[in-house]
Amino acid sequence: MIAYAASDLIWSSRIKSTADALGLPARRISNPGGLEALLDTGQVRLVLVDLEAEDAQAIISVMRGPDACESARKTPTLAWAPHVLVDDLENARRAGIDRVLTRGAFAANLETILAQISAKS
């Protein structure tokens, strides 16, 4: 399963439809508590975080913060933002997010990124 936080319906729809096309379950994260509940299932293979999403920093904290559980720390993470948000991109890297991309790079590679997760299933 892919868990994702997106700042708008366009990104949410794009991620969900790409995952669906690959036969990969995808669930939108509405808040950090929802992410913790998904992680507890043991089925989350990747967490995607739009750094413009309302709860992006709280979600990053759940995944990589000092109180992050072992399953969260082991789950791969990817964050993205517009290239002009240099500080946000760098802060995500410093927080321990596994892969940080500009929005353009994320858009161009979304299908490949999800296909790699699907192939590991």
PDB file of N, CA and C in Angstrom:
ATOM      1  N   MET A   1       0.832  -1.179   0.000  1.00  0.00           N
ATOM      2  CA  MET A   1       0.000   0.000   0.000  1.00  0.00           C
ATOM      3  C   MET A   1       0.882   1.250   0.000  1.00  0.00           C
ATOM      4  N   ILE A   2       0.429   2.250  -0.738  1.00  0.00           N
ATOM      5  CA  ILE A   2       1.050   3.560  -0.739  1.00  0.00           C
ATOM      6  C   ILE A   2       0.188   4.464   0.132  1.00  0.00           C
ATOM      7  N   ALA A   3       0.816   5.189   1.038  1.00  0.00           N
ATOM      8  CA  ALA A   3       0.111   6.206   1.825  1.00  0.00           C
ATOM      9  C   ALA A   3       0.625   7.550   1.325  1.00  0.00           C
ATOM     10  N   TYR A   4      -0.280   8.500   1.116  1.00  0.00           N
ATOM     11  CA  TYR A   4       0.146   9.772   0.555  1.00  0.00           C
ATOM     12  C   TYR A   4      -0.608  10.951   1.147  1.00  0.00           C
ATOM     13  N   ALA A   5       0.120  12.052   1.281  1.00  0.00           N
ATOM     14  CA  ALA A   5      -0.451  13.334   1.691  1.00  0.00           C
ATOM     15  C   ALA A   5      -0.245  14.291   0.532  1.00  0.00           C
ATOM     16  N   ALA A   6      -1.323  14.826   0.006  1.00  0.00           N
ATOM     17  CA  ALA A   6      -1.248  15.740  -1.133  1.00  0.00           C
ATOM     18  C   ALA A   6      -1.927  17.058  -0.779  1.00  0.00           C
ATOM     19  N   SER A   7      -1.412  18.124  -1.362  1.00  0.00           N
ATOM     20  CA  SER A   7      -1.929  19.454  -1.037  1.00  0.00           C
ATOM     21  C   SER A   7      -3.235  19.783  -1.741  1.00  0.00           C
ATOM     22  N   ASP A   8      -3.561  19.036  -2.789  1.00  0.00           N
ATOM     23  CA  ASP A   8      -4.788  19.342  -3.523  1.00  0.00           C
ATOM     24  C   ASP A   8      -5.341  18.090  -4.203  1.00  0.00           C
ATOM     25  N   LEU A   9      -6.536  18.227  -4.751  1.00  0.00           N
ATOM     26  CA  LEU A   9      -7.195  17.089  -5.394  1.00  0.00           C
ATOM     27  C   LEU A   9      -6.503  16.643  -6.670  1.00  0.00           C
ATOM     28  N   ILE A  10      -5.827  17.543  -7.349  1.00  0.00           N
ATOM     29  CA  ILE A  10      -5.139  17.161  -8.579  1.00  0.00           C
ATOM     30  C   ILE A  10      -4.050  16.140  -8.266  1.00  0.00           C
ATOM     31  N   TRP A  11      -3.202  16.438  -7.274  1.00  0.00           N
ATOM     32  CA  TRP A  11      -2.147  15.495  -6.904  1.00  0.00           C
ATOM     33  C   TRP A  11      -2.727  14.220  -6.323  1.00  0.00           C
ATOM     34  N   SER A  12      -3.725  14.363  -5.506  1.00  0.00           N
ATOM     35  CA  SER A  12      -4.358  13.195  -4.905  1.00  0.00           C
ATOM     36  C   SER A  12      -4.898  12.266  -5.996  1.00  0.00           C
ATOM     37  N   SER A  13      -5.595  12.832  -6.952  1.00  0.00           N
ATOM     38  CA  SER A  13      -6.156  12.034  -8.051  1.00  0.00           C
ATOM     39  C   SER A  13      -5.064  11.413  -8.910  1.00  0.00           C
ATOM     40  N   ARG A  14      -4.024  12.161  -9.147  1.00  0.00           N
ATOM     41  CA  ARG A  14      -2.933  11.650  -9.992  1.00  0.00           C
ATOM     42  C   ARG A  14      -2.234  10.461  -9.330  1.00  0.00           C
ATOM     43  N   ILE A  15      -1.956  10.587  -8.043  1.00  0.00           N
ATOM     44  CA  ILE A  15      -1.305   9.484  -7.322  1.00  0.00           C
ATOM     45  C   ILE A  15      -2.218   8.268  -7.281  1.00  0.00           C
ATOM     46  N   LYS A  16      -3.481   8.493  -6.916  1.00  0.00           N
ATOM     47  CA  LYS A  16      -4.434   7.385  -6.789  1.00  0.00           C
ATOM     48  C   LYS A  16      -4.651   6.684  -8.125  1.00  0.00           C
ATOM     49  N   SER A  17      -4.817   7.438  -9.189  1.00  0.00           N
ATOM     50  CA  SER A  17      -5.071   6.808 -10.489  1.00  0.00           C
ATOM     51  C   SER A  17      -3.841   6.058 -11.003  1.00  0.00           C
ATOM     52  N   THR A  18      -2.652   6.592 -10.754  1.00  0.00           N
ATOM     53  CA  THR A  18      -1.427   5.898 -11.159  1.00  0.00           C
ATOM     54  C   THR A  18      -1.271   4.596 -10.373  1.00  0.00           C
ATOM     55  N   ALA A  19      -1.514   4.660  -9.075  1.00  0.00           N
ATOM     56  CA  ALA A  19      -1.430   3.454  -8.248  1.00  0.00           C
ATOM     57  C   ALA A  19      -2.470   2.425  -8.685  1.00  0.00           C
ATOM     58  N   ASP A  20      -3.696   2.875  -8.924  1.00  0.00           N
ATOM     59  CA  ASP A  20      -4.756   1.970  -9.366  1.00  0.00           C
ATOM     60  C   ASP A  20      -4.375   1.269 -10.675  1.00  0.00           C
ATOM     61  N   ALA A  21      -3.800   2.022 -11.605  1.00  0.00           N
ATOM     62  CA  ALA A  21      -3.411   1.450 -12.894  1.00  0.00           C
ATOM     63  C   ALA A  21      -2.347   0.361 -12.725  1.00  0.00           C
ATOM     64  N   LEU A  22      -1.564   0.473 -11.663  1.00  0.00           N
ATOM     65  CA  LEU A  22      -0.520  -0.520 -11.391  1.00  0.00           C
ATOM     66  C   LEU A  22      -0.995  -1.630 -10.446  1.00  0.00           C
ATOM     67  N   GLY A  23      -2.265  -1.556 -10.035  1.00  0.00           N
ATOM     68  CA  GLY A  23      -2.804  -2.555  -9.112  1.00  0.00           C
ATOM     69  C   GLY A  23      -2.251  -2.418  -7.708  1.00  0.00           C
ATOM     70  N   LEU A  24      -1.870  -1.219  -7.354  1.00  0.00           N
ATOM     71  CA  LEU A  24      -1.252  -0.943  -6.063  1.00  0.00           C
ATOM     72  C   LEU A  24      -2.235  -0.165  -5.189  1.00  0.00           C
ATOM     73  N   PRO A  25      -2.614  -0.696  -4.029  1.00  0.00           N
ATOM     74  CA  PRO A  25      -3.521   0.050  -3.160  1.00  0.00           C
ATOM     75  C   PRO A  25      -2.889   1.371  -2.714  1.00  0.00           C
ATOM     76  N   ALA A  26      -3.685   2.412  -2.654  1.00  0.00           N
ATOM     77  CA  ALA A  26      -3.195   3.725  -2.225  1.00  0.00           C
ATOM     78  C   ALA A  26      -4.246   4.374  -1.334  1.00  0.00           C
ATOM     79  N   ARG A  27      -3.782   4.942  -0.236  1.00  0.00           N
ATOM     80  CA  ARG A  27      -4.687   5.608   0.710  1.00  0.00           C
ATOM     81  C   ARG A  27      -4.183   7.008   0.996  1.00  0.00           C
ATOM     82  N   ARG A  28      -5.081   7.962   0.956  1.00  0.00           N
ATOM     83  CA  ARG A  28      -4.743   9.342   1.274  1.00  0.00           C
ATOM     84  C   ARG A  28      -4.635   9.494   2.787  1.00  0.00           C
ATOM     85  N   ILE A  29      -3.618  10.199   3.217  1.00  0.00           N
ATOM     86  CA  ILE A  29      -3.426  10.485   4.641  1.00  0.00           C
ATOM     87  C   ILE A  29      -4.117  11.805   4.935  1.00  0.00           C
ATOM     88  N   SER A  30      -5.075  11.777   5.827  1.00  0.00           N
ATOM     89  CA  SER A  30      -5.780  13.019   6.147  1.00  0.00           C
ATOM     90  C   SER A  30      -5.180  13.732   7.352  1.00  0.00           C
ATOM     91  N   ASN A  31      -4.419  12.990   8.163  1.00  0.00           N
ATOM     92  CA  ASN A  31      -3.776  13.588   9.338  1.00  0.00           C
ATOM     93  C   ASN A  31      -2.724  12.609   9.866  1.00  0.00           C
ATOM     94  N   PRO A  32      -1.846  13.080  10.745  1.00  0.00           N
ATOM     95  CA  PRO A  32      -0.800  12.189  11.274  1.00  0.00           C
ATOM     96  C   PRO A  32      -1.356  10.959  11.989  1.00  0.00           C
ATOM     97  N   GLY A  33      -2.461  11.088  12.669  1.00  0.00           N
ATOM     98  CA  GLY A  33      -3.075   9.938  13.342  1.00  0.00           C
ATOM     99  C   GLY A  33      -3.520   8.881  12.346  1.00  0.00           C
ATOM    100  N   GLY A  34      -4.030   9.330  11.210  1.00  0.00           N
ATOM    101  CA  GLY A  34      -4.419   8.396  10.160  1.00  0.00           C
ATOM    102  C   GLY A  34      -3.223   7.642   9.611  1.00  0.00           C
ATOM    103  N   LEU A  35      -2.094   8.331   9.499  1.00  0.00           N
ATOM    104  CA  LEU A  35      -0.871   7.671   9.046  1.00  0.00           C
ATOM    105  C   LEU A  35      -0.423   6.622  10.057  1.00  0.00           C
ATOM    106  N   GLU A  36      -0.463   6.955  11.329  1.00  0.00           N
ATOM    107  CA  GLU A  36      -0.061   5.991  12.353  1.00  0.00           C
ATOM    108  C   GLU A  36      -0.931   4.746  12.301  1.00  0.00           C
ATOM    109  N   ALA A  37      -2.238   4.929  12.089  1.00  0.00           N
ATOM    110  CA  ALA A  37      -3.142   3.782  11.983  1.00  0.00           C
ATOM    111  C   ALA A  37      -2.794   2.923  10.770  1.00  0.00           C
ATOM    112  N   LEU A  38      -2.466   3.551   9.642  1.00  0.00           N
ATOM    113  CA  LEU A  38      -2.071   2.789   8.459  1.00  0.00           C
ATOM    114  C   LEU A  38      -0.765   2.039   8.693  1.00  0.00           C
ATOM    115  N   LEU A  39       0.198   2.702   9.338  1.00  0.00           N
ATOM    116  CA  LEU A  39       1.479   2.047   9.623  1.00  0.00           C
ATOM    117  C   LEU A  39       1.290   0.833  10.521  1.00  0.00           C
ATOM    118  N   ASP A  40       0.331   0.910  11.441  1.00  0.00           N
ATOM    119  CA  ASP A  40       0.059  -0.202  12.343  1.00  0.00           C
ATOM    120  C   ASP A  40      -0.414  -1.455  11.608  1.00  0.00           C
ATOM    121  N   THR A  41      -0.943  -1.291  10.389  1.00  0.00           N
ATOM    122  CA  THR A  41      -1.399  -2.461   9.628  1.00  0.00           C
ATOM    123  C   THR A  41      -0.219  -3.253   9.079  1.00  0.00           C
ATOM    124  N   GLY A  42       0.956  -2.635   8.996  1.00  0.00           N
ATOM    125  CA  GLY A  42       2.125  -3.304   8.443  1.00  0.00           C
ATOM    126  C   GLY A  42       2.100  -3.433   6.931  1.00  0.00           C
ATOM    127  N   GLN A  43       1.173  -2.753   6.273  1.00  0.00           N
ATOM    128  CA  GLN A  43       1.025  -2.894   4.829  1.00  0.00           C
ATOM    129  C   GLN A  43       1.564  -1.717   4.027  1.00  0.00           C
ATOM    130  N   VAL A  44       2.009  -0.666   4.690  1.00  0.00           N
ATOM    131  CA  VAL A  44       2.474   0.526   3.978  1.00  0.00           C
ATOM    132  C   VAL A  44       3.876   0.275   3.435  1.00  0.00           C
ATOM    133  N   ARG A  45       4.026   0.413   2.119  1.00  0.00           N
ATOM    134  CA  ARG A  45       5.305   0.168   1.442  1.00  0.00           C
ATOM    135  C   ARG A  45       6.052   1.452   1.128  1.00  0.00           C
ATOM    136  N   LEU A  46       5.314   2.586   1.081  1.00  0.00           N
ATOM    137  CA  LEU A  46       5.897   3.876   0.749  1.00  0.00           C
ATOM    138  C   LEU A  46       4.972   4.971   1.252  1.00  0.00           C
ATOM    139  N   VAL A  47       5.577   6.033   1.805  1.00  0.00           N
ATOM    140  CA  VAL A  47       4.815   7.212   2.213  1.00  0.00           C
ATOM    141  C   VAL A  47       5.268   8.371   1.339  1.00  0.00           C
ATOM    142  N   LEU A  48       4.305   8.976   0.636  1.00  0.00           N
ATOM    143  CA  LEU A  48       4.549  10.134  -0.216  1.00  0.00           C
ATOM    144  C   LEU A  48       4.043  11.379   0.494  1.00  0.00           C
ATOM    145  N   VAL A  49       4.867  12.429   0.528  1.00  0.00           N
ATOM    146  CA  VAL A  49       4.481  13.657   1.235  1.00  0.00           C
ATOM    147  C   VAL A  49       4.689  14.864   0.338  1.00  0.00           C
ATOM    148  N   ASP A  50       3.602  15.525   0.015  1.00  0.00           N
ATOM    149  CA  ASP A  50       3.647  16.807  -0.678  1.00  0.00           C
ATOM    150  C   ASP A  50       4.000  17.837   0.390  1.00  0.00           C
ATOM    151  N   LEU A  51       5.140  18.492   0.268  1.00  0.00           N
ATOM    152  CA  LEU A  51       5.580  19.426   1.293  1.00  0.00           C
ATOM    153  C   LEU A  51       4.693  20.660   1.397  1.00  0.00           C
ATOM    154  N   GLU A  52       3.775  20.827   0.452  1.00  0.00           N
ATOM    155  CA  GLU A  52       2.795  21.909   0.535  1.00  0.00           C
ATOM    156  C   GLU A  52       1.507  21.471   1.232  1.00  0.00           C
ATOM    157  N   ALA A  53       1.403  20.194   1.576  1.00  0.00           N
ATOM    158  CA  ALA A  53       0.217  19.693   2.276  1.00  0.00           C
ATOM    159  C   ALA A  53       0.162  20.282   3.681  1.00  0.00           C
ATOM    160  N   GLU A  54      -1.034  20.457   4.175  1.00  0.00           N
ATOM    161  CA  GLU A  54      -1.250  21.096   5.477  1.00  0.00           C
ATOM    162  C   GLU A  54      -0.493  20.421   6.616  1.00  0.00           C
ATOM    163  N   ASP A  55      -0.503  19.113   6.677  1.00  0.00           N
ATOM    164  CA  ASP A  55       0.131  18.373   7.772  1.00  0.00           C
ATOM    165  C   ASP A  55       1.487  17.783   7.401  1.00  0.00           C
ATOM    166  N   ALA A  56       2.148  18.320   6.380  1.00  0.00           N
ATOM    167  CA  ALA A  56       3.403  17.735   5.894  1.00  0.00           C
ATOM    168  C   ALA A  56       4.440  17.601   6.999  1.00  0.00           C
ATOM    169  N   GLN A  57       4.664  18.631   7.774  1.00  0.00           N
ATOM    170  CA  GLN A  57       5.702  18.573   8.809  1.00  0.00           C
ATOM    171  C   GLN A  57       5.337  17.579   9.909  1.00  0.00           C
ATOM    172  N   ALA A  58       4.077  17.500  10.265  1.00  0.00           N
ATOM    173  CA  ALA A  58       3.645  16.538  11.277  1.00  0.00           C
ATOM    174  C   ALA A  58       3.793  15.106  10.759  1.00  0.00           C
ATOM    175  N   ILE A  59       3.527  14.898   9.488  1.00  0.00           N
ATOM    176  CA  ILE A  59       3.684  13.571   8.893  1.00  0.00           C
ATOM    177  C   ILE A  59       5.162  13.183   8.854  1.00  0.00           C
ATOM    178  N   ILE A  60       6.011  14.124   8.500  1.00  0.00           N
ATOM    179  CA  ILE A  60       7.452  13.862   8.513  1.00  0.00           C
ATOM    180  C   ILE A  60       7.909  13.511   9.925  1.00  0.00           C
ATOM    181  N   SER A  61       7.365  14.181  10.898  1.00  0.00           N
ATOM    182  CA  SER A  61       7.715  13.888  12.290  1.00  0.00           C
ATOM    183  C   SER A  61       7.291  12.472  12.681  1.00  0.00           C
ATOM    184  N   VAL A  62       6.124  12.038  12.243  1.00  0.00           N
ATOM    185  CA  VAL A  62       5.666  10.675  12.518  1.00  0.00           C
ATOM    186  C   VAL A  62       6.631   9.664  11.897  1.00  0.00           C
ATOM    187  N   MET A  63       7.127   9.980  10.706  1.00  0.00           N
ATOM    188  CA  MET A  63       7.991   9.047   9.978  1.00  0.00           C
ATOM    189  C   MET A  63       9.444   9.079  10.433  1.00  0.00           C
ATOM    190  N   ARG A  64       9.954  10.258  10.749  1.00  0.00           N
ATOM    191  CA  ARG A  64      11.387  10.390  11.002  1.00  0.00           C
ATOM    192  C   ARG A  64      11.733  11.170  12.266  1.00  0.00           C
ATOM    193  N   GLY A  65      10.733  11.590  13.015  1.00  0.00           N
ATOM    194  CA  GLY A  65      10.987  12.350  14.236  1.00  0.00           C
ATOM    195  C   GLY A  65      11.552  11.488  15.350  1.00  0.00           C
ATOM    196  N   PRO A  66      11.949  12.108  16.446  1.00  0.00           N
ATOM    197  CA  PRO A  66      12.566  11.372  17.553  1.00  0.00           C
ATOM    198  C   PRO A  66      11.648  10.322  18.182  1.00  0.00           C
ATOM    199  N   ASP A  67      10.339  10.507  18.056  1.00  0.00           N
ATOM    200  CA  ASP A  67       9.397   9.552  18.636  1.00  0.00           C
ATOM    201  C   ASP A  67       8.835   8.567  17.609  1.00  0.00           C
ATOM    202  N   ALA A  68       9.401   8.550  16.403  1.00  0.00           N
ATOM    203  CA  ALA A  68       8.912   7.656  15.353  1.00  0.00           C
ATOM    204  C   ALA A  68       9.098   6.200  15.762  1.00  0.00           C
ATOM    205  N   CYS A  69       8.075   5.399  15.514  1.00  0.00           N
ATOM    206  CA  CYS A  69       8.175   3.972  15.834  1.00  0.00           C
ATOM    207  C   CYS A  69       9.069   3.273  14.817  1.00  0.00           C
ATOM    208  N   GLU A  70       9.480   2.068  15.139  1.00  0.00           N
ATOM    209  CA  GLU A  70      10.399   1.307  14.290  1.00  0.00           C
ATOM    210  C   GLU A  70       9.815   1.070  12.898  1.00  0.00           C
ATOM    211  N   SER A  71       8.527   0.744  12.811  1.00  0.00           N
ATOM    212  CA  SER A  71       7.934   0.486  11.489  1.00  0.00           C
ATOM    213  C   SER A  71       7.922   1.753  10.643  1.00  0.00           C
ATOM    214  N   ALA A  72       7.727   2.907  11.262  1.00  0.00           N
ATOM    215  CA  ALA A  72       7.768   4.166  10.515  1.00  0.00           C
ATOM    216  C   ALA A  72       9.175   4.434  10.008  1.00  0.00           C
ATOM    217  N   ARG A  73      10.163   4.212  10.854  1.00  0.00           N
ATOM    218  CA  ARG A  73      11.555   4.467  10.446  1.00  0.00           C
ATOM    219  C   ARG A  73      11.998   3.555   9.303  1.00  0.00           C
ATOM    220  N   LYS A  74      11.440   2.351   9.232  1.00  0.00           N
ATOM    221  CA  LYS A  74      11.818   1.398   8.194  1.00  0.00           C
ATOM    222  C   LYS A  74      11.052   1.603   6.880  1.00  0.00           C
ATOM    223  N   THR A  75       9.950   2.332   6.926  1.00  0.00           N
ATOM    224  CA  THR A  75       9.126   2.546   5.738  1.00  0.00           C
ATOM    225  C   THR A  75       9.749   3.627   4.858  1.00  0.00           C
ATOM    226  N   PRO A  76       9.979   3.342   3.583  1.00  0.00           N
ATOM    227  CA  PRO A  76      10.546   4.347   2.687  1.00  0.00           C
ATOM    228  C   PRO A  76       9.644   5.578   2.574  1.00  0.00           C
ATOM    229  N   THR A  77      10.286   6.729   2.410  1.00  0.00           N
ATOM    230  CA  THR A  77       9.566   7.994   2.295  1.00  0.00           C
ATOM    231  C   THR A  77      10.057   8.774   1.089  1.00  0.00           C
ATOM    232  N   LEU A  78       9.144   9.535   0.508  1.00  0.00           N
ATOM    233  CA  LEU A  78       9.475  10.421  -0.592  1.00  0.00           C
ATOM    234  C   LEU A  78       8.677  11.701  -0.402  1.00  0.00           C
ATOM    235  N   ALA A  79       9.357  12.826  -0.507  1.00  0.00           N
ATOM    236  CA  ALA A  79       8.684  14.126  -0.398  1.00  0.00           C
ATOM    237  C   ALA A  79       8.981  14.938  -1.648  1.00  0.00           C
ATOM    238  N   TRP A  80       8.054  15.829  -1.992  1.00  0.00           N
ATOM    239  CA  TRP A  80       8.247  16.695  -3.143  1.00  0.00           C
ATOM    240  C   TRP A  80       7.652  18.069  -2.876  1.00  0.00           C
ATOM    241  N   ALA A  81       8.163  19.040  -3.625  1.00  0.00           N
ATOM    242  CA  ALA A  81       7.680  20.416  -3.538  1.00  0.00           C
ATOM    243  C   ALA A  81       8.155  21.166  -4.782  1.00  0.00           C
ATOM    244  N   PRO A  82       7.565  22.320  -5.046  1.00  0.00           N
ATOM    245  CA  PRO A  82       8.069  23.139  -6.152  1.00  0.00           C
ATOM    246  C   PRO A  82       9.548  23.481  -5.939  1.00  0.00           C
ATOM    247  N   HIS A  83      10.281  23.602  -7.025  1.00  0.00           N
ATOM    248  CA  HIS A  83      11.723  23.852  -6.937  1.00  0.00           C
ATOM    249  C   HIS A  83      12.059  25.157  -6.219  1.00  0.00           C
ATOM    250  N   VAL A  84      11.129  26.087  -6.174  1.00  0.00           N
ATOM    251  CA  VAL A  84      11.394  27.369  -5.502  1.00  0.00           C
ATOM    252  C   VAL A  84      11.346  27.250  -3.980  1.00  0.00           C
ATOM    253  N   LEU A  85      10.824  26.155  -3.464  1.00  0.00           N
ATOM    254  CA  LEU A  85      10.760  25.950  -2.006  1.00  0.00           C
ATOM    255  C   LEU A  85      12.023  25.233  -1.534  1.00  0.00           C
ATOM    256  N   VAL A  86      13.142  25.862  -1.806  1.00  0.00           N
ATOM    257  CA  VAL A  86      14.461  25.283  -1.527  1.00  0.00           C
ATOM    258  C   VAL A  86      14.597  24.904  -0.052  1.00  0.00           C
ATOM    259  N   ASP A  87      14.171  25.775   0.851  1.00  0.00           N
ATOM    260  CA  ASP A  87      14.292  25.488   2.286  1.00  0.00           C
ATOM    261  C   ASP A  87      13.460  24.279   2.688  1.00  0.00           C
ATOM    262  N   ASP A  88      12.253  24.177   2.165  1.00  0.00           N
ATOM    263  CA  ASP A  88      11.397  23.028   2.496  1.00  0.00           C
ATOM    264  C   ASP A  88      12.013  21.724   1.995  1.00  0.00           C
ATOM    265  N   LEU A  89      12.551  21.753   0.791  1.00  0.00           N
ATOM    266  CA  LEU A  89      13.192  20.560   0.238  1.00  0.00           C
ATOM    267  C   LEU A  89      14.407  20.161   1.075  1.00  0.00           C
ATOM    268  N   GLU A  90      15.208  21.126   1.448  1.00  0.00           N
ATOM    269  CA  GLU A  90      16.394  20.848   2.253  1.00  0.00           C
ATOM    270  C   GLU A  90      16.012  20.369   3.656  1.00  0.00           C
ATOM    271  N   ASN A  91      14.997  20.968   4.247  1.00  0.00           N
ATOM    272  CA  ASN A  91      14.552  20.537   5.577  1.00  0.00           C
ATOM    273  C   ASN A  91      14.051  19.102   5.555  1.00  0.00           C
ATOM    274  N   ALA A  92      13.396  18.695   4.482  1.00  0.00           N
ATOM    275  CA  ALA A  92      12.935  17.307   4.359  1.00  0.00           C
ATOM    276  C   ALA A  92      14.137  16.358   4.292  1.00  0.00           C
ATOM    277  N   ARG A  93      15.155  16.754   3.548  1.00  0.00           N
ATOM    278  CA  ARG A  93      16.379  15.934   3.490  1.00  0.00           C
ATOM    279  C   ARG A  93      17.004  15.804   4.873  1.00  0.00           C
ATOM    280  N   ARG A  94      17.122  16.937   5.562  1.00  0.00           N
ATOM    281  CA  ARG A  94      17.731  16.931   6.896  1.00  0.00           C
ATOM    282  C   ARG A  94      16.911  16.115   7.894  1.00  0.00           C
ATOM    283  N   ALA A  95      15.611  16.076   7.692  1.00  0.00           N
ATOM    284  CA  ALA A  95      14.738  15.316   8.594  1.00  0.00           C
ATOM    285  C   ALA A  95      14.877  13.813   8.393  1.00  0.00           C
ATOM    286  N   GLY A  96      15.505  13.412   7.295  1.00  0.00           N
ATOM    287  CA  GLY A  96      15.708  11.980   7.063  1.00  0.00           C
ATOM    288  C   GLY A  96      14.807  11.369   6.016  1.00  0.00           C
ATOM    289  N   ILE A  97      14.072  12.196   5.267  1.00  0.00           N
ATOM    290  CA  ILE A  97      13.242  11.659   4.188  1.00  0.00           C
ATOM    291  C   ILE A  97      14.178  10.992   3.174  1.00  0.00           C
ATOM    292  N   ASP A  98      13.830   9.794   2.760  1.00  0.00           N
ATOM    293  CA  ASP A  98      14.705   8.999   1.909  1.00  0.00           C
ATOM    294  C   ASP A  98      14.967   9.617   0.542  1.00  0.00           C
ATOM    295  N   ARG A  99      13.921  10.161  -0.044  1.00  0.00           N
ATOM    296  CA  ARG A  99      14.048  10.721  -1.387  1.00  0.00           C
ATOM    297  C   ARG A  99      13.276  12.027  -1.434  1.00  0.00           C
ATOM    298  N   VAL A 100      13.933  13.095  -1.883  1.00  0.00           N
ATOM    299  CA  VAL A 100      13.312  14.418  -1.961  1.00  0.00           C
ATOM    300  C   VAL A 100      13.452  14.903  -3.394  1.00  0.00           C
ATOM    301  N   LEU A 101      12.315  15.234  -4.013  1.00  0.00           N
ATOM    302  CA  LEU A 101      12.295  15.633  -5.413  1.00  0.00           C
ATOM    303  C   LEU A 101      11.584  16.970  -5.599  1.00  0.00           C
ATOM    304  N   THR A 102      11.954  17.649  -6.662  1.00  0.00           N
ATOM    305  CA  THR A 102      11.165  18.807  -7.055  1.00  0.00           C
ATOM    306  C   THR A 102       9.844  18.288  -7.620  1.00  0.00           C
ATOM    307  N   ARG A 103       8.857  19.161  -7.649  1.00  0.00           N
ATOM    308  CA  ARG A 103       7.547  18.756  -8.148  1.00  0.00           C
ATOM    309  C   ARG A 103       7.635  18.245  -9.587  1.00  0.00           C
ATOM    310  N   GLY A 104       8.437  18.901 -10.420  1.00  0.00           N
ATOM    311  CA  GLY A 104       8.587  18.473 -11.812  1.00  0.00           C
ATOM    312  C   GLY A 104       9.179  17.074 -11.919  1.00  0.00           C
ATOM    313  N   ALA A 105      10.204  16.808 -11.127  1.00  0.00           N
ATOM    314  CA  ALA A 105      10.832  15.481 -11.140  1.00  0.00           C
ATOM    315  C   ALA A 105       9.862  14.422 -10.617  1.00  0.00           C
ATOM    316  N   PHE A 106       9.099  14.767  -9.595  1.00  0.00           N
ATOM    317  CA  PHE A 106       8.115  13.827  -9.061  1.00  0.00           C
ATOM    318  C   PHE A 106       7.058  13.516 -10.117  1.00  0.00           C
ATOM    319  N   ALA A 107       6.544  14.554 -10.765  1.00  0.00           N
ATOM    320  CA  ALA A 107       5.514  14.359 -11.792  1.00  0.00           C
ATOM    321  C   ALA A 107       6.042  13.489 -12.932  1.00  0.00           C
ATOM    322  N   ALA A 108       7.269  13.748 -13.351  1.00  0.00           N
ATOM    323  CA  ALA A 108       7.844  13.009 -14.469  1.00  0.00           C
ATOM    324  C   ALA A 108       8.125  11.548 -14.126  1.00  0.00           C
ATOM    325  N   ASN A 109       8.340  11.258 -12.858  1.00  0.00           N
ATOM    326  CA  ASN A 109       8.760   9.912 -12.453  1.00  0.00           C
ATOM    327  C   ASN A 109       7.734   9.154 -11.603  1.00  0.00           C
ATOM    328  N   LEU A 110       6.553   9.704 -11.416  1.00  0.00           N
ATOM    329  CA  LEU A 110       5.566   9.073 -10.536  1.00  0.00           C
ATOM    330  C   LEU A 110       5.274   7.634 -10.924  1.00  0.00           C
ATOM    331  N   GLU A 111       5.011   7.383 -12.181  1.00  0.00           N
ATOM    332  CA  GLU A 111       4.679   6.015 -12.593  1.00  0.00           C
ATOM    333  C   GLU A 111       5.844   5.064 -12.322  1.00  0.00           C
ATOM    334  N   THR A 112       7.053   5.481 -12.605  1.00  0.00           N
ATOM    335  CA  THR A 112       8.231   4.640 -12.358  1.00  0.00           C
ATOM    336  C   THR A 112       8.419   4.368 -10.875  1.00  0.00           C
ATOM    337  N   ILE A 113       8.247   5.399 -10.063  1.00  0.00           N
ATOM    338  CA  ILE A 113       8.385   5.256  -8.609  1.00  0.00           C
ATOM    339  C   ILE A 113       7.388   4.235  -8.080  1.00  0.00           C
ATOM    340  N   LEU A 114       6.138   4.360  -8.487  1.00  0.00           N
ATOM    341  CA  LEU A 114       5.117   3.432  -8.005  1.00  0.00           C
ATOM    342  C   LEU A 114       5.293   2.044  -8.603  1.00  0.00           C
ATOM    343  N   ALA A 115       5.752   1.963  -9.838  1.00  0.00           N
ATOM    344  CA  ALA A 115       5.994   0.655 -10.461  1.00  0.00           C
ATOM    345  C   ALA A 115       7.077  -0.106  -9.721  1.00  0.00           C
ATOM    346  N   GLN A 116       8.090   0.588  -9.234  1.00  0.00           N
ATOM    347  CA  GLN A 116       9.150  -0.072  -8.464  1.00  0.00           C
ATOM    348  C   GLN A 116       8.585  -0.655  -7.169  1.00  0.00           C
ATOM    349  N   ILE A 117       7.686   0.048  -6.518  1.00  0.00           N
ATOM    350  CA  ILE A 117       7.051  -0.464  -5.294  1.00  0.00           C
ATOM    351  C   ILE A 117       6.164  -1.652  -5.642  1.00  0.00           C
ATOM    352  N   SER A 118       5.418  -1.539  -6.733  1.00  0.00           N
ATOM    353  CA  SER A 118       4.533  -2.612  -7.158  1.00  0.00           C
ATOM    354  C   SER A 118       5.327  -3.878  -7.482  1.00  0.00           C
ATOM    355  N   ALA A 119       6.481  -3.721  -8.097  1.00  0.00           N
ATOM    356  CA  ALA A 119       7.311  -4.876  -8.468  1.00  0.00           C
ATOM    357  C   ALA A 119       7.854  -5.597  -7.245  1.00  0.00           C
ATOM    358  N   LYS A 120       8.020  -4.890  -6.145  1.00  0.00           N
ATOM    359  CA  LYS A 120       8.538  -5.494  -4.914  1.00  0.00           C
ATOM    360  C   LYS A 120       7.459  -6.228  -4.138  1.00  0.00           C
ATOM    361  N   SER A 121       6.205  -6.029  -4.523  1.00  0.00           N
ATOM    362  CA  SER A 121       5.090  -6.647  -3.786  1.00  0.00           C
ATOM    363  C   SER A 121       5.003  -8.131  -4.034  1.00  0.00           C
TER     364      SER A 121
END
